[in-house]
Amino acid sequence: MCALTLALIACVSALYLATADRVRRNADLLLQRAVMEVAGVPAPARPAEVAAWFERCVEAEPAGSRTSFRVRDGASGETLALAFVCTGRGLWGPITAVAGVAPDRRAFREFRILEQNETPGLGARIAEAWFMGQTLGKRGPLTLVPEGARSQAPTEIDAITGATVSSTAVRDMLNGVWREQCAGNAVRQAGRDEEVGHGRQE
């Protein structure tokens, strides 16, 4: 019995070691695609093309303890977006996403879900395209409105019916990014705009 147990442990360990590199590569590819998409760049089908683009156009950006990236246009070098990895607590486990932010930090881009274990047909709908795309052009702090409202208000996004915990988790994750990375910049920019306005009046 002991020999059988040891043999099974050895088999499981070998399987883990054999697949660990593939799992890591898939996780890297998922992150690279997410960063690409929140920057508004269509992701090619071939993983090698995604990896090459990421190597050429994305650089790590210091943002405290948060993993973040600056995405540049491959031809002009112009910044297309900033991307921040954020994590929150869903109903059944952690939710991890990439939140896109405009280069001037005054509005969100879209976001992408990297990992979630929410209820299929309910909370798992946070990974649907319409839900992830509705933050484009919005600014924080975000508030939730009932699904179907399709609010045009700059700080409102639709929740998912029957998935309050999941919707709230995503909202809080995005608001965390806004509070840490954008809110101060928006206030400073508003102050500069006001100074410019006063200068013109004089």
N, C-alpha and C. Protein backbone atom coordinates (compact mmCIF):
# COMPACT_ATOMS: atom_id res chain seq x y z
N MET A 1 0.82 -1.20 0.00
CA MET A 1 0.00 0.00 0.00
C MET A 1 0.86 1.26 0.00
N CYS A 2 1.90 1.22 0.81
CA CYS A 2 2.82 2.36 0.89
C CYS A 2 3.51 2.59 -0.46
N ALA A 3 3.90 1.49 -1.11
CA ALA A 3 4.56 1.59 -2.41
C ALA A 3 3.62 2.18 -3.45
N LEU A 4 2.34 1.79 -3.41
CA LEU A 4 1.36 2.32 -4.34
C LEU A 4 1.15 3.82 -4.12
N THR A 5 1.08 4.22 -2.86
CA THR A 5 0.91 5.64 -2.54
C THR A 5 2.09 6.45 -3.06
N LEU A 6 3.29 5.94 -2.82
CA LEU A 6 4.49 6.64 -3.30
C LEU A 6 4.51 6.74 -4.83
N ALA A 7 4.07 5.65 -5.49
CA ALA A 7 4.04 5.65 -6.95
C ALA A 7 3.04 6.69 -7.47
N LEU A 8 1.87 6.77 -6.82
CA LEU A 8 0.87 7.77 -7.23
C LEU A 8 1.38 9.19 -7.01
N ILE A 9 2.04 9.42 -5.88
CA ILE A 9 2.61 10.75 -5.60
C ILE A 9 3.64 11.10 -6.66
N ALA A 10 4.47 10.12 -7.03
CA ALA A 10 5.50 10.36 -8.05
C ALA A 10 4.86 10.71 -9.39
N CYS A 11 3.77 10.00 -9.73
CA CYS A 11 3.08 10.27 -11.00
C CYS A 11 2.48 11.67 -11.03
N VAL A 12 1.82 12.05 -9.92
CA VAL A 12 1.21 13.38 -9.85
C VAL A 12 2.28 14.46 -9.93
N SER A 13 3.39 14.26 -9.23
CA SER A 13 4.49 15.23 -9.25
C SER A 13 5.06 15.37 -10.66
N ALA A 14 5.23 14.24 -11.33
CA ALA A 14 5.77 14.28 -12.69
C ALA A 14 4.82 15.00 -13.63
N LEU A 15 3.51 14.75 -13.47
CA LEU A 15 2.52 15.42 -14.30
C LEU A 15 2.55 16.93 -14.06
N TYR A 16 2.65 17.33 -12.80
CA TYR A 16 2.72 18.76 -12.46
C TYR A 16 3.93 19.41 -13.11
N LEU A 17 5.09 18.76 -12.98
CA LEU A 17 6.31 19.33 -13.55
C LEU A 17 6.24 19.39 -15.07
N ALA A 18 5.60 18.39 -15.67
CA ALA A 18 5.50 18.35 -17.13
C ALA A 18 4.59 19.44 -17.67
N THR A 19 3.57 19.84 -16.89
CA THR A 19 2.60 20.82 -17.39
C THR A 19 2.81 22.23 -16.83
N ALA A 20 3.68 22.40 -15.83
CA ALA A 20 3.86 23.70 -15.18
C ALA A 20 4.29 24.77 -16.17
N ASP A 21 5.21 24.42 -17.06
CA ASP A 21 5.71 25.42 -18.02
C ASP A 21 4.61 25.83 -18.99
N ARG A 22 3.79 24.87 -19.43
CA ARG A 22 2.68 25.19 -20.33
C ARG A 22 1.65 26.09 -19.65
N VAL A 23 1.35 25.79 -18.38
CA VAL A 23 0.41 26.61 -17.62
C VAL A 23 0.92 28.03 -17.50
N ARG A 24 2.24 28.19 -17.22
CA ARG A 24 2.83 29.52 -17.10
C ARG A 24 2.77 30.28 -18.42
N ARG A 25 3.07 29.57 -19.52
CA ARG A 25 3.02 30.22 -20.84
C ARG A 25 1.60 30.67 -21.18
N ASN A 26 0.61 29.84 -20.86
CA ASN A 26 -0.78 30.22 -21.12
C ASN A 26 -1.20 31.42 -20.29
N ALA A 27 -0.76 31.48 -19.02
CA ALA A 27 -1.07 32.63 -18.16
C ALA A 27 -0.42 33.90 -18.71
N ASP A 28 0.82 33.78 -19.18
CA ASP A 28 1.51 34.93 -19.78
C ASP A 28 0.77 35.42 -21.02
N LEU A 29 0.34 34.48 -21.86
CA LEU A 29 -0.37 34.83 -23.08
C LEU A 29 -1.69 35.53 -22.76
N LEU A 30 -2.42 35.03 -21.77
CA LEU A 30 -3.68 35.64 -21.39
C LEU A 30 -3.47 37.08 -20.92
N LEU A 31 -2.43 37.32 -20.12
CA LEU A 31 -2.12 38.67 -19.66
C LEU A 31 -1.74 39.56 -20.83
N GLN A 32 -0.90 39.05 -21.72
CA GLN A 32 -0.46 39.85 -22.87
C GLN A 32 -1.64 40.24 -23.76
N ARG A 33 -2.54 39.30 -24.01
CA ARG A 33 -3.74 39.60 -24.82
C ARG A 33 -4.61 40.65 -24.13
N ALA A 34 -4.76 40.50 -22.81
CA ALA A 34 -5.60 41.44 -22.06
C ALA A 34 -5.04 42.85 -22.13
N VAL A 35 -3.73 42.99 -21.96
CA VAL A 35 -3.09 44.31 -22.05
C VAL A 35 -3.27 44.89 -23.44
N MET A 36 -3.12 44.05 -24.43
CA MET A 36 -3.29 44.47 -25.82
C MET A 36 -4.70 45.00 -26.06
N GLU A 37 -5.69 44.26 -25.57
CA GLU A 37 -7.09 44.61 -25.84
C GLU A 37 -7.53 45.86 -25.08
N VAL A 38 -7.06 46.05 -23.83
CA VAL A 38 -7.47 47.27 -23.11
C VAL A 38 -6.83 48.51 -23.73
N ALA A 39 -5.75 48.32 -24.48
CA ALA A 39 -5.13 49.44 -25.18
C ALA A 39 -5.80 49.71 -26.53
N GLY A 40 -6.80 48.87 -26.88
CA GLY A 40 -7.51 49.07 -28.13
C GLY A 40 -6.82 48.49 -29.33
N VAL A 41 -5.88 47.57 -29.10
CA VAL A 41 -5.15 46.93 -30.20
C VAL A 41 -5.72 45.54 -30.42
N PRO A 42 -6.21 45.22 -31.61
CA PRO A 42 -6.76 43.88 -31.87
C PRO A 42 -5.67 42.81 -31.68
N ALA A 43 -5.98 41.78 -30.93
CA ALA A 43 -5.00 40.73 -30.65
C ALA A 43 -4.98 39.71 -31.79
N PRO A 44 -3.81 39.42 -32.35
CA PRO A 44 -3.73 38.39 -33.39
C PRO A 44 -3.97 37.01 -32.80
N ALA A 45 -4.27 36.05 -33.67
CA ALA A 45 -4.58 34.70 -33.22
C ALA A 45 -3.34 33.94 -32.77
N ARG A 46 -2.21 34.21 -33.40
CA ARG A 46 -1.01 33.42 -33.13
C ARG A 46 -0.30 33.92 -31.87
N PRO A 47 -0.07 33.03 -30.90
CA PRO A 47 0.62 33.43 -29.66
C PRO A 47 1.98 34.09 -29.89
N ALA A 48 2.72 33.62 -30.88
CA ALA A 48 4.04 34.19 -31.14
C ALA A 48 3.94 35.66 -31.54
N GLU A 49 2.89 36.01 -32.28
CA GLU A 49 2.70 37.41 -32.69
C GLU A 49 2.32 38.28 -31.50
N VAL A 50 1.51 37.73 -30.61
CA VAL A 50 1.13 38.47 -29.39
C VAL A 50 2.38 38.74 -28.55
N ALA A 51 3.19 37.71 -28.35
CA ALA A 51 4.41 37.84 -27.54
C ALA A 51 5.37 38.85 -28.15
N ALA A 52 5.51 38.82 -29.47
CA ALA A 52 6.41 39.75 -30.15
C ALA A 52 5.93 41.19 -30.00
N TRP A 53 4.62 41.39 -30.15
CA TRP A 53 4.05 42.74 -29.97
C TRP A 53 4.27 43.22 -28.55
N PHE A 54 4.03 42.36 -27.56
CA PHE A 54 4.17 42.73 -26.17
C PHE A 54 5.61 43.13 -25.88
N GLU A 55 6.54 42.38 -26.40
CA GLU A 55 7.97 42.68 -26.20
C GLU A 55 8.34 44.03 -26.80
N ARG A 56 7.74 44.36 -27.93
CA ARG A 56 8.09 45.57 -28.66
C ARG A 56 7.38 46.82 -28.12
N CYS A 57 6.13 46.67 -27.66
CA CYS A 57 5.29 47.85 -27.39
C CYS A 57 4.91 48.07 -25.92
N VAL A 58 5.28 47.16 -25.04
CA VAL A 58 4.83 47.26 -23.65
C VAL A 58 6.03 47.31 -22.72
N GLU A 59 5.97 48.22 -21.75
CA GLU A 59 7.02 48.28 -20.75
C GLU A 59 6.40 48.33 -19.35
N ALA A 60 7.08 47.71 -18.41
CA ALA A 60 6.59 47.74 -17.03
C ALA A 60 6.63 49.17 -16.52
N GLU A 61 5.62 49.53 -15.75
CA GLU A 61 5.48 50.90 -15.24
C GLU A 61 5.40 50.83 -13.72
N PRO A 62 6.24 51.57 -12.99
CA PRO A 62 6.16 51.53 -11.51
C PRO A 62 4.80 52.05 -11.04
N ALA A 63 4.14 51.30 -10.15
CA ALA A 63 2.83 51.72 -9.62
C ALA A 63 2.64 51.14 -8.22
N GLY A 64 3.60 51.39 -7.35
CA GLY A 64 3.53 50.84 -6.00
C GLY A 64 3.60 49.33 -6.03
N SER A 65 2.68 48.68 -5.35
CA SER A 65 2.68 47.22 -5.30
C SER A 65 1.88 46.61 -6.45
N ARG A 66 1.26 47.44 -7.27
CA ARG A 66 0.39 46.96 -8.35
C ARG A 66 1.19 46.71 -9.62
N THR A 67 0.98 45.57 -10.28
CA THR A 67 1.61 45.29 -11.57
C THR A 67 0.98 46.20 -12.62
N SER A 68 1.81 46.92 -13.35
CA SER A 68 1.25 47.86 -14.33
C SER A 68 2.16 47.96 -15.54
N PHE A 69 1.56 48.42 -16.64
CA PHE A 69 2.27 48.49 -17.92
C PHE A 69 1.92 49.78 -18.65
N ARG A 70 2.86 50.29 -19.41
CA ARG A 70 2.62 51.39 -20.36
C ARG A 70 2.64 50.78 -21.76
N VAL A 71 1.58 51.02 -22.52
CA VAL A 71 1.45 50.46 -23.86
C VAL A 71 1.69 51.56 -24.88
N ARG A 72 2.64 51.34 -25.78
CA ARG A 72 2.99 52.34 -26.78
C ARG A 72 2.65 51.87 -28.19
N ASP A 73 2.39 52.82 -29.06
CA ASP A 73 2.19 52.51 -30.47
C ASP A 73 3.53 52.05 -31.05
N GLY A 74 3.49 50.95 -31.78
CA GLY A 74 4.72 50.38 -32.30
C GLY A 74 5.44 51.28 -33.29
N ALA A 75 4.71 52.12 -34.01
CA ALA A 75 5.32 52.98 -35.02
C ALA A 75 5.75 54.33 -34.45
N SER A 76 4.84 55.00 -33.75
CA SER A 76 5.12 56.37 -33.29
C SER A 76 5.73 56.44 -31.89
N GLY A 77 5.56 55.39 -31.10
CA GLY A 77 6.04 55.43 -29.73
C GLY A 77 5.09 56.14 -28.78
N GLU A 78 3.99 56.66 -29.33
CA GLU A 78 3.00 57.36 -28.51
C GLU A 78 2.33 56.40 -27.53
N THR A 79 2.08 56.87 -26.30
CA THR A 79 1.41 56.03 -25.31
C THR A 79 -0.06 55.87 -25.68
N LEU A 80 -0.51 54.62 -25.78
CA LEU A 80 -1.90 54.32 -26.12
C LEU A 80 -2.76 54.16 -24.86
N ALA A 81 -2.18 53.57 -23.82
CA ALA A 81 -2.93 53.30 -22.60
C ALA A 81 -1.98 52.87 -21.50
N LEU A 82 -2.49 52.93 -20.28
CA LEU A 82 -1.83 52.33 -19.13
C LEU A 82 -2.68 51.14 -18.71
N ALA A 83 -2.06 50.09 -18.25
CA ALA A 83 -2.80 48.88 -17.86
C ALA A 83 -2.37 48.46 -16.46
N PHE A 84 -3.36 48.21 -15.61
CA PHE A 84 -3.10 47.87 -14.21
C PHE A 84 -3.77 46.54 -13.86
N VAL A 85 -3.02 45.64 -13.27
CA VAL A 85 -3.58 44.38 -12.79
C VAL A 85 -4.23 44.64 -11.43
N CYS A 86 -5.47 44.18 -11.28
CA CYS A 86 -6.18 44.39 -10.02
C CYS A 86 -6.87 43.09 -9.60
N THR A 87 -7.00 42.92 -8.31
CA THR A 87 -7.59 41.70 -7.76
C THR A 87 -8.64 42.05 -6.72
N GLY A 88 -9.74 41.31 -6.73
CA GLY A 88 -10.80 41.51 -5.75
C GLY A 88 -11.36 40.17 -5.30
N ARG A 89 -12.29 40.23 -4.36
CA ARG A 89 -12.88 39.01 -3.82
C ARG A 89 -14.28 38.84 -4.39
N GLY A 90 -14.47 37.77 -5.17
CA GLY A 90 -15.78 37.45 -5.70
C GLY A 90 -16.57 36.58 -4.74
N LEU A 91 -17.66 36.00 -5.24
CA LEU A 91 -18.50 35.16 -4.40
C LEU A 91 -17.80 33.86 -4.03
N TRP A 92 -17.07 33.27 -4.99
CA TRP A 92 -16.46 31.96 -4.76
C TRP A 92 -14.94 31.98 -4.78
N GLY A 93 -14.34 33.13 -4.86
CA GLY A 93 -12.88 33.18 -4.88
C GLY A 93 -12.39 34.47 -5.47
N PRO A 94 -11.08 34.58 -5.68
CA PRO A 94 -10.52 35.83 -6.20
C PRO A 94 -10.92 36.08 -7.66
N ILE A 95 -11.02 37.36 -7.99
CA ILE A 95 -11.21 37.82 -9.36
C ILE A 95 -9.99 38.66 -9.71
N THR A 96 -9.36 38.37 -10.83
CA THR A 96 -8.20 39.15 -11.28
C THR A 96 -8.51 39.73 -12.65
N ALA A 97 -8.17 40.99 -12.84
CA ALA A 97 -8.47 41.66 -14.09
C ALA A 97 -7.33 42.60 -14.48
N VAL A 98 -7.37 43.05 -15.73
CA VAL A 98 -6.50 44.12 -16.20
C VAL A 98 -7.39 45.31 -16.51
N ALA A 99 -7.14 46.42 -15.83
CA ALA A 99 -7.92 47.64 -16.06
C ALA A 99 -7.13 48.59 -16.95
N GLY A 100 -7.75 49.04 -18.01
CA GLY A 100 -7.12 49.99 -18.90
C GLY A 100 -7.46 51.42 -18.50
N VAL A 101 -6.48 52.30 -18.61
CA VAL A 101 -6.66 53.71 -18.26
C VAL A 101 -6.06 54.55 -19.39
N ALA A 102 -6.72 55.66 -19.71
CA ALA A 102 -6.22 56.56 -20.74
C ALA A 102 -4.85 57.11 -20.34
N PRO A 103 -4.01 57.47 -21.30
CA PRO A 103 -2.65 57.94 -20.98
C PRO A 103 -2.62 59.13 -20.02
N ASP A 104 -3.62 60.02 -20.09
CA ASP A 104 -3.63 61.17 -19.19
C ASP A 104 -4.26 60.86 -17.84
N ARG A 105 -4.66 59.60 -17.65
CA ARG A 105 -5.25 59.11 -16.39
C ARG A 105 -6.56 59.81 -16.04
N ARG A 106 -7.26 60.30 -17.02
CA ARG A 106 -8.52 61.01 -16.75
C ARG A 106 -9.75 60.19 -17.09
N ALA A 107 -9.56 58.98 -17.61
CA ALA A 107 -10.70 58.12 -17.94
C ALA A 107 -10.23 56.68 -18.04
N PHE A 108 -11.18 55.76 -17.84
CA PHE A 108 -10.90 54.34 -18.03
C PHE A 108 -10.93 54.00 -19.50
N ARG A 109 -10.20 52.96 -19.86
CA ARG A 109 -10.41 52.23 -21.10
C ARG A 109 -11.25 51.01 -20.71
N GLU A 110 -11.30 50.01 -21.55
CA GLU A 110 -12.00 48.78 -21.19
C GLU A 110 -11.17 48.00 -20.17
N PHE A 111 -11.74 46.94 -19.62
CA PHE A 111 -10.97 46.05 -18.77
C PHE A 111 -11.16 44.62 -19.26
N ARG A 112 -10.32 43.73 -18.81
CA ARG A 112 -10.41 42.32 -19.17
C ARG A 112 -10.25 41.46 -17.92
N ILE A 113 -11.07 40.43 -17.81
CA ILE A 113 -10.99 39.49 -16.71
C ILE A 113 -9.93 38.44 -17.04
N LEU A 114 -9.00 38.24 -16.11
CA LEU A 114 -7.97 37.22 -16.27
C LEU A 114 -8.35 35.92 -15.57
N GLU A 115 -8.98 36.05 -14.40
CA GLU A 115 -9.31 34.86 -13.61
C GLU A 115 -10.57 35.12 -12.80
N GLN A 116 -11.45 34.14 -12.76
CA GLN A 116 -12.66 34.24 -11.94
C GLN A 116 -13.26 32.85 -11.76
N ASN A 117 -13.96 32.67 -10.65
CA ASN A 117 -14.62 31.40 -10.35
C ASN A 117 -16.07 31.64 -9.97
N GLU A 118 -16.69 32.61 -10.63
CA GLU A 118 -18.04 32.98 -10.27
C GLU A 118 -19.06 32.00 -10.86
N THR A 119 -20.31 32.12 -10.44
CA THR A 119 -21.35 31.19 -10.84
C THR A 119 -21.65 31.31 -12.34
N PRO A 120 -21.56 30.22 -13.10
CA PRO A 120 -21.89 30.28 -14.53
C PRO A 120 -23.31 30.82 -14.76
N GLY A 121 -23.45 31.71 -15.72
CA GLY A 121 -24.75 32.29 -16.03
C GLY A 121 -25.14 33.46 -15.15
N LEU A 122 -24.39 33.66 -14.07
CA LEU A 122 -24.66 34.80 -13.18
C LEU A 122 -23.37 35.62 -13.03
N GLY A 123 -22.64 35.41 -11.94
CA GLY A 123 -21.43 36.19 -11.73
C GLY A 123 -20.37 36.01 -12.80
N ALA A 124 -20.33 34.83 -13.43
CA ALA A 124 -19.33 34.60 -14.47
C ALA A 124 -19.53 35.51 -15.68
N ARG A 125 -20.70 36.15 -15.74
CA ARG A 125 -20.96 37.08 -16.85
C ARG A 125 -20.09 38.33 -16.78
N ILE A 126 -19.34 38.52 -15.71
CA ILE A 126 -18.40 39.65 -15.66
C ILE A 126 -17.37 39.56 -16.78
N ALA A 127 -17.19 38.37 -17.36
CA ALA A 127 -16.24 38.20 -18.45
C ALA A 127 -16.87 38.39 -19.82
N GLU A 128 -18.15 38.78 -19.87
CA GLU A 128 -18.81 39.04 -21.16
C GLU A 128 -18.33 40.37 -21.73
N ALA A 129 -18.26 40.43 -23.06
CA ALA A 129 -17.70 41.60 -23.73
C ALA A 129 -18.43 42.89 -23.37
N TRP A 130 -19.78 42.85 -23.30
CA TRP A 130 -20.51 44.08 -23.02
C TRP A 130 -20.18 44.63 -21.64
N PHE A 131 -19.97 43.73 -20.67
CA PHE A 131 -19.69 44.16 -19.30
C PHE A 131 -18.29 44.77 -19.21
N MET A 132 -17.32 44.11 -19.86
CA MET A 132 -15.94 44.60 -19.80
C MET A 132 -15.74 45.86 -20.64
N GLY A 133 -16.58 46.05 -21.65
CA GLY A 133 -16.41 47.20 -22.53
C GLY A 133 -17.09 48.47 -22.07
N GLN A 134 -17.97 48.37 -21.07
CA GLN A 134 -18.77 49.53 -20.71
C GLN A 134 -18.01 50.61 -19.93
N THR A 135 -16.79 50.32 -19.50
CA THR A 135 -16.02 51.33 -18.78
C THR A 135 -15.30 52.31 -19.71
N LEU A 136 -15.29 52.04 -20.99
CA LEU A 136 -14.57 52.89 -21.94
C LEU A 136 -15.06 54.33 -21.85
N GLY A 137 -14.16 55.25 -21.53
CA GLY A 137 -14.49 56.66 -21.43
C GLY A 137 -15.08 57.09 -20.10
N LYS A 138 -15.36 56.13 -19.21
CA LYS A 138 -15.93 56.46 -17.90
C LYS A 138 -14.82 56.89 -16.95
N ARG A 139 -15.21 57.53 -15.86
CA ARG A 139 -14.24 57.92 -14.84
C ARG A 139 -14.77 57.53 -13.46
N GLY A 140 -13.86 57.42 -12.52
CA GLY A 140 -14.25 57.01 -11.19
C GLY A 140 -14.53 58.18 -10.27
N PRO A 141 -15.02 57.86 -9.08
CA PRO A 141 -15.39 56.52 -8.65
C PRO A 141 -16.66 56.04 -9.33
N LEU A 142 -16.66 54.78 -9.75
CA LEU A 142 -17.79 54.20 -10.46
C LEU A 142 -18.89 53.77 -9.50
N THR A 143 -20.13 53.89 -9.95
CA THR A 143 -21.28 53.36 -9.21
C THR A 143 -22.04 52.41 -10.12
N LEU A 144 -22.80 51.50 -9.51
CA LEU A 144 -23.55 50.50 -10.27
C LEU A 144 -25.00 50.94 -10.45
N VAL A 145 -25.54 50.66 -11.64
CA VAL A 145 -26.96 50.87 -11.91
C VAL A 145 -27.51 49.55 -12.41
N PRO A 146 -28.84 49.35 -12.42
CA PRO A 146 -29.41 48.07 -12.84
C PRO A 146 -29.03 47.69 -14.27
N GLU A 147 -28.86 46.39 -14.48
CA GLU A 147 -28.53 45.90 -15.82
C GLU A 147 -29.59 46.34 -16.81
N GLY A 148 -29.14 46.78 -17.97
CA GLY A 148 -30.05 47.24 -19.01
C GLY A 148 -30.20 48.75 -19.05
N ALA A 149 -29.73 49.42 -18.00
CA ALA A 149 -29.85 50.88 -17.97
C ALA A 149 -29.00 51.52 -19.05
N ARG A 150 -27.84 50.92 -19.33
CA ARG A 150 -26.90 51.47 -20.33
C ARG A 150 -26.70 52.97 -20.11
N SER A 151 -26.42 53.31 -18.85
CA SER A 151 -26.29 54.72 -18.47
C SER A 151 -25.19 55.42 -19.25
N GLN A 152 -25.47 56.64 -19.66
CA GLN A 152 -24.48 57.47 -20.33
C GLN A 152 -23.74 58.35 -19.33
N ALA A 153 -24.15 58.29 -18.06
CA ALA A 153 -23.48 59.09 -17.03
C ALA A 153 -22.02 58.66 -16.93
N PRO A 154 -21.10 59.60 -16.75
CA PRO A 154 -19.68 59.26 -16.81
C PRO A 154 -19.15 58.40 -15.68
N THR A 155 -19.91 58.23 -14.61
CA THR A 155 -19.43 57.42 -13.48
C THR A 155 -20.32 56.22 -13.19
N GLU A 156 -21.21 55.85 -14.10
CA GLU A 156 -22.13 54.74 -13.87
C GLU A 156 -21.89 53.60 -14.85
N ILE A 157 -21.92 52.36 -14.31
CA ILE A 157 -21.85 51.16 -15.15
C ILE A 157 -22.96 50.21 -14.72
N ASP A 158 -23.41 49.38 -15.65
CA ASP A 158 -24.46 48.40 -15.35
C ASP A 158 -23.92 47.27 -14.48
N ALA A 159 -24.69 46.91 -13.47
CA ALA A 159 -24.42 45.69 -12.71
C ALA A 159 -24.99 44.51 -13.50
N ILE A 160 -24.72 43.30 -13.04
CA ILE A 160 -25.29 42.10 -13.63
C ILE A 160 -26.42 41.62 -12.72
N THR A 161 -27.59 41.44 -13.29
CA THR A 161 -28.75 41.00 -12.50
C THR A 161 -28.46 39.65 -11.84
N GLY A 162 -28.70 39.57 -10.53
CA GLY A 162 -28.49 38.32 -9.80
C GLY A 162 -27.05 38.06 -9.44
N ALA A 163 -26.18 39.03 -9.65
CA ALA A 163 -24.74 38.85 -9.36
C ALA A 163 -24.19 40.10 -8.67
N THR A 164 -24.85 40.47 -7.58
CA THR A 164 -24.46 41.69 -6.87
C THR A 164 -23.03 41.61 -6.35
N VAL A 165 -22.66 40.47 -5.76
CA VAL A 165 -21.32 40.33 -5.18
C VAL A 165 -20.26 40.46 -6.27
N SER A 166 -20.46 39.79 -7.38
CA SER A 166 -19.47 39.81 -8.47
C SER A 166 -19.38 41.21 -9.08
N SER A 167 -20.53 41.84 -9.33
CA SER A 167 -20.54 43.19 -9.91
C SER A 167 -19.86 44.18 -8.98
N THR A 168 -20.16 44.07 -7.69
CA THR A 168 -19.58 44.98 -6.70
C THR A 168 -18.07 44.77 -6.59
N ALA A 169 -17.64 43.52 -6.68
CA ALA A 169 -16.21 43.23 -6.61
C ALA A 169 -15.47 43.90 -7.75
N VAL A 170 -16.01 43.81 -8.97
CA VAL A 170 -15.37 44.44 -10.12
C VAL A 170 -15.37 45.96 -9.96
N ARG A 171 -16.51 46.52 -9.55
CA ARG A 171 -16.56 47.97 -9.33
C ARG A 171 -15.50 48.41 -8.33
N ASP A 172 -15.38 47.69 -7.22
CA ASP A 172 -14.41 48.06 -6.20
C ASP A 172 -12.97 47.93 -6.69
N MET A 173 -12.71 46.90 -7.50
CA MET A 173 -11.37 46.74 -8.08
C MET A 173 -11.02 47.94 -8.95
N LEU A 174 -11.95 48.33 -9.81
CA LEU A 174 -11.71 49.46 -10.71
C LEU A 174 -11.57 50.75 -9.93
N ASN A 175 -12.41 50.92 -8.92
CA ASN A 175 -12.31 52.13 -8.10
C ASN A 175 -10.99 52.19 -7.34
N GLY A 176 -10.46 51.02 -6.97
CA GLY A 176 -9.15 50.99 -6.32
C GLY A 176 -8.06 51.51 -7.26
N VAL A 177 -8.11 51.09 -8.52
CA VAL A 177 -7.16 51.58 -9.52
C VAL A 177 -7.34 53.09 -9.69
N TRP A 178 -8.58 53.54 -9.79
CA TRP A 178 -8.84 54.97 -9.98
C TRP A 178 -8.29 55.78 -8.80
N ARG A 179 -8.57 55.32 -7.60
CA ARG A 179 -8.14 56.04 -6.40
C ARG A 179 -6.61 56.12 -6.33
N GLU A 180 -5.94 55.02 -6.64
CA GLU A 180 -4.48 54.97 -6.53
C GLU A 180 -3.75 55.66 -7.68
N GLN A 181 -4.28 55.52 -8.89
CA GLN A 181 -3.53 55.91 -10.07
C GLN A 181 -4.08 57.13 -10.82
N CYS A 182 -5.34 57.47 -10.60
CA CYS A 182 -5.97 58.49 -11.44
C CYS A 182 -6.49 59.70 -10.69
N ALA A 183 -7.10 59.51 -9.53
CA ALA A 183 -7.82 60.59 -8.85
C ALA A 183 -6.93 61.80 -8.60
N GLY A 184 -5.74 61.59 -8.05
CA GLY A 184 -4.83 62.70 -7.78
C GLY A 184 -4.42 63.42 -9.05
N ASN A 185 -4.19 62.65 -10.11
CA ASN A 185 -3.80 63.24 -11.38
C ASN A 185 -4.93 64.09 -11.94
N ALA A 186 -6.19 63.62 -11.81
CA ALA A 186 -7.33 64.38 -12.32
C ALA A 186 -7.47 65.70 -11.58
N VAL A 187 -7.24 65.68 -10.25
CA VAL A 187 -7.33 66.91 -9.47
C VAL A 187 -6.22 67.88 -9.88
N ARG A 188 -4.99 67.34 -10.03
CA ARG A 188 -3.88 68.20 -10.45
C ARG A 188 -4.13 68.79 -11.82
N GLN A 189 -4.66 67.96 -12.74
CA GLN A 189 -4.92 68.44 -14.10
C GLN A 189 -6.01 69.51 -14.08
N ALA A 190 -7.05 69.32 -13.25
CA ALA A 190 -8.10 70.32 -13.14
C ALA A 190 -7.53 71.64 -12.65
N GLY A 191 -6.59 71.58 -11.69
CA GLY A 191 -5.94 72.78 -11.18
C GLY A 191 -5.14 73.48 -12.25
N ARG A 192 -4.42 72.70 -13.07
CA ARG A 192 -3.65 73.29 -14.16
C ARG A 192 -4.58 73.94 -15.19
N ASP A 193 -5.70 73.27 -15.49
CA ASP A 193 -6.66 73.83 -16.43
C ASP A 193 -7.20 75.15 -15.92
N GLU A 194 -7.47 75.21 -14.60
CA GLU A 194 -8.00 76.43 -14.01
C GLU A 194 -6.98 77.56 -14.08
N GLU A 195 -5.69 77.21 -13.83
CA GLU A 195 -4.64 78.21 -13.91
C GLU A 195 -4.51 78.76 -15.33
N VAL A 196 -4.62 77.85 -16.29
CA VAL A 196 -4.55 78.28 -17.70
C VAL A 196 -5.71 79.21 -18.03
N GLY A 197 -6.90 78.86 -17.52
CA GLY A 197 -8.08 79.70 -17.75
C GLY A 197 -7.93 81.07 -17.17
N HIS A 198 -7.39 81.15 -15.94
CA HIS A 198 -7.17 82.45 -15.33
C HIS A 198 -6.13 83.26 -16.10
N GLY A 199 -5.10 82.55 -16.58
CA GLY A 199 -4.07 83.24 -17.36
C GLY A 199 -4.63 83.86 -18.61
N ARG A 200 -5.58 83.13 -19.25
CA ARG A 200 -6.18 83.66 -20.49
C ARG A 200 -7.04 84.88 -20.20
N GLN A 201 -7.72 84.86 -19.03
CA GLN A 201 -8.60 85.99 -18.70
C GLN A 201 -7.78 87.25 -18.42
N GLU A 202 -6.59 87.07 -17.84
CA GLU A 202 -5.74 88.21 -17.56
C GLU A 202 -5.19 88.78 -18.87
